[in-house]
Amino acid sequence: MNDTESNSTKTTTPFTITTREASKRYSVSARTLNHWRATGMPYLLPGPRKVLFVVEEADAWVLKKFAIGRTKPTLARIASAGVVL
C-alpha cells in the first residue's frame, strides 16, 4: 500500500470527554448533563454504564440551546461563567 492509499483509508476519531469532564467544561452538575441528554444533547454509549460526549457536537448543542436569540453580551457571560467553547 502506498502513502496515498493509507491516507485515504484513515478515519479520524472524534475527541470525546466523559461526564465528569463535560461537567467541568460546562460548569454544570452531572445531573444537569443527564437532563440535557434527555432533552437532546448528543452523546455516545460505548458500554452499559459509560457515557461519552463528542466535544464538537456537545459544544454546538450548548451554543444552540443557550445562545439562540441572545445578544453578544449574553454569550460573553456564558463564556465568563466557565463554558469553554
Protein backbone atom coordinates (compact mmCIF):
# COMPACT_ATOMS: atom_id res chain seq x y z
CA MET A 1 0.00 0.00 0.00
CA ASN A 2 1.38 3.41 -0.92
CA ASP A 3 1.06 6.65 1.07
CA THR A 4 -1.94 7.87 -0.93
CA GLU A 5 -3.95 4.75 -0.18
CA SER A 6 -3.12 4.74 3.52
CA ASN A 7 -4.10 8.41 3.89
CA SER A 8 -7.43 7.96 2.15
CA THR A 9 -8.43 4.98 4.32
CA LYS A 10 -7.61 6.63 7.64
CA THR A 11 -10.52 7.80 9.73
CA THR A 12 -10.26 10.35 12.47
CA THR A 13 -11.63 9.55 15.87
CA PRO A 14 -13.65 12.40 17.34
CA PHE A 15 -12.36 13.89 20.58
CA THR A 16 -14.63 12.66 23.37
CA ILE A 17 -14.97 13.54 27.03
CA THR A 18 -16.56 11.79 30.00
CA THR A 19 -19.48 13.06 32.03
CA ARG A 20 -17.10 14.33 34.71
CA GLU A 21 -15.02 16.22 32.12
CA ALA A 22 -18.16 17.64 30.47
CA SER A 23 -19.44 18.70 33.87
CA LYS A 24 -16.27 20.71 34.43
CA ARG A 25 -16.23 22.04 30.85
CA TYR A 26 -19.78 23.43 31.04
CA SER A 27 -19.75 24.24 34.78
CA VAL A 28 -22.83 22.15 35.49
CA SER A 29 -23.54 19.07 37.58
CA ALA A 30 -23.65 15.52 36.24
CA ARG A 31 -27.37 15.57 36.98
CA THR A 32 -27.81 18.59 34.71
CA LEU A 33 -25.90 16.76 31.97
CA ASN A 34 -28.28 13.81 32.38
CA HIS A 35 -31.19 16.21 31.93
CA TRP A 36 -29.53 17.76 28.87
CA ARG A 37 -29.03 14.26 27.40
CA ALA A 38 -32.75 13.56 27.93
CA THR A 39 -33.59 16.78 26.08
CA GLY A 40 -31.40 16.18 23.04
CA MET A 41 -27.72 16.69 23.85
CA PRO A 42 -25.76 14.25 21.64
CA TYR A 43 -23.81 11.52 23.43
CA LEU A 44 -22.32 8.06 22.94
CA LEU A 45 -22.87 4.91 24.99
CA PRO A 46 -19.79 2.72 24.41
CA GLY A 47 -20.75 0.49 27.36
CA PRO A 48 -23.70 -0.16 29.64
CA ARG A 49 -22.67 2.49 32.18
CA LYS A 50 -20.23 4.70 30.27
CA VAL A 51 -21.37 7.95 28.66
CA LEU A 52 -19.13 9.98 26.35
CA PHE A 53 -19.70 13.30 24.64
CA VAL A 54 -18.15 14.26 21.30
CA VAL A 55 -16.74 17.70 22.09
CA GLU A 56 -17.62 19.36 18.77
CA GLU A 57 -21.21 18.09 18.86
CA ALA A 58 -21.74 18.90 22.54
CA ASP A 59 -20.30 22.41 22.14
CA ALA A 60 -22.55 23.05 19.15
CA TRP A 61 -25.59 21.79 21.08
CA VAL A 62 -24.82 24.01 24.09
CA LEU A 63 -24.36 27.06 21.85
CA LYS A 64 -27.60 26.33 20.01
CA LYS A 65 -29.58 25.71 23.19
CA PHE A 66 -28.31 28.69 25.16
CA ALA A 67 -27.38 31.28 22.52
CA ILE A 68 -30.36 31.47 20.16
CA GLY A 69 -32.00 34.86 20.31
CA ARG A 70 -29.50 36.18 22.81
CA THR A 71 -27.20 39.12 22.38
CA LYS A 72 -23.44 39.01 22.23
CA PRO A 73 -23.09 40.25 25.83
CA THR A 74 -25.05 37.17 26.96
CA LEU A 75 -22.64 34.95 25.06
CA ALA A 76 -19.79 36.74 26.83
CA ARG A 77 -21.46 35.99 30.17
CA ILE A 78 -21.81 32.32 29.21
CA ALA A 79 -18.09 32.25 28.40
CA SER A 80 -17.18 34.09 31.60
CA ALA A 81 -19.16 31.54 33.60
CA GLY A 82 -16.63 28.91 32.58
CA VAL A 83 -18.19 27.40 29.48
CA VAL A 84 -15.23 26.84 27.20
CA LEU A 85 -16.32 26.60 23.60
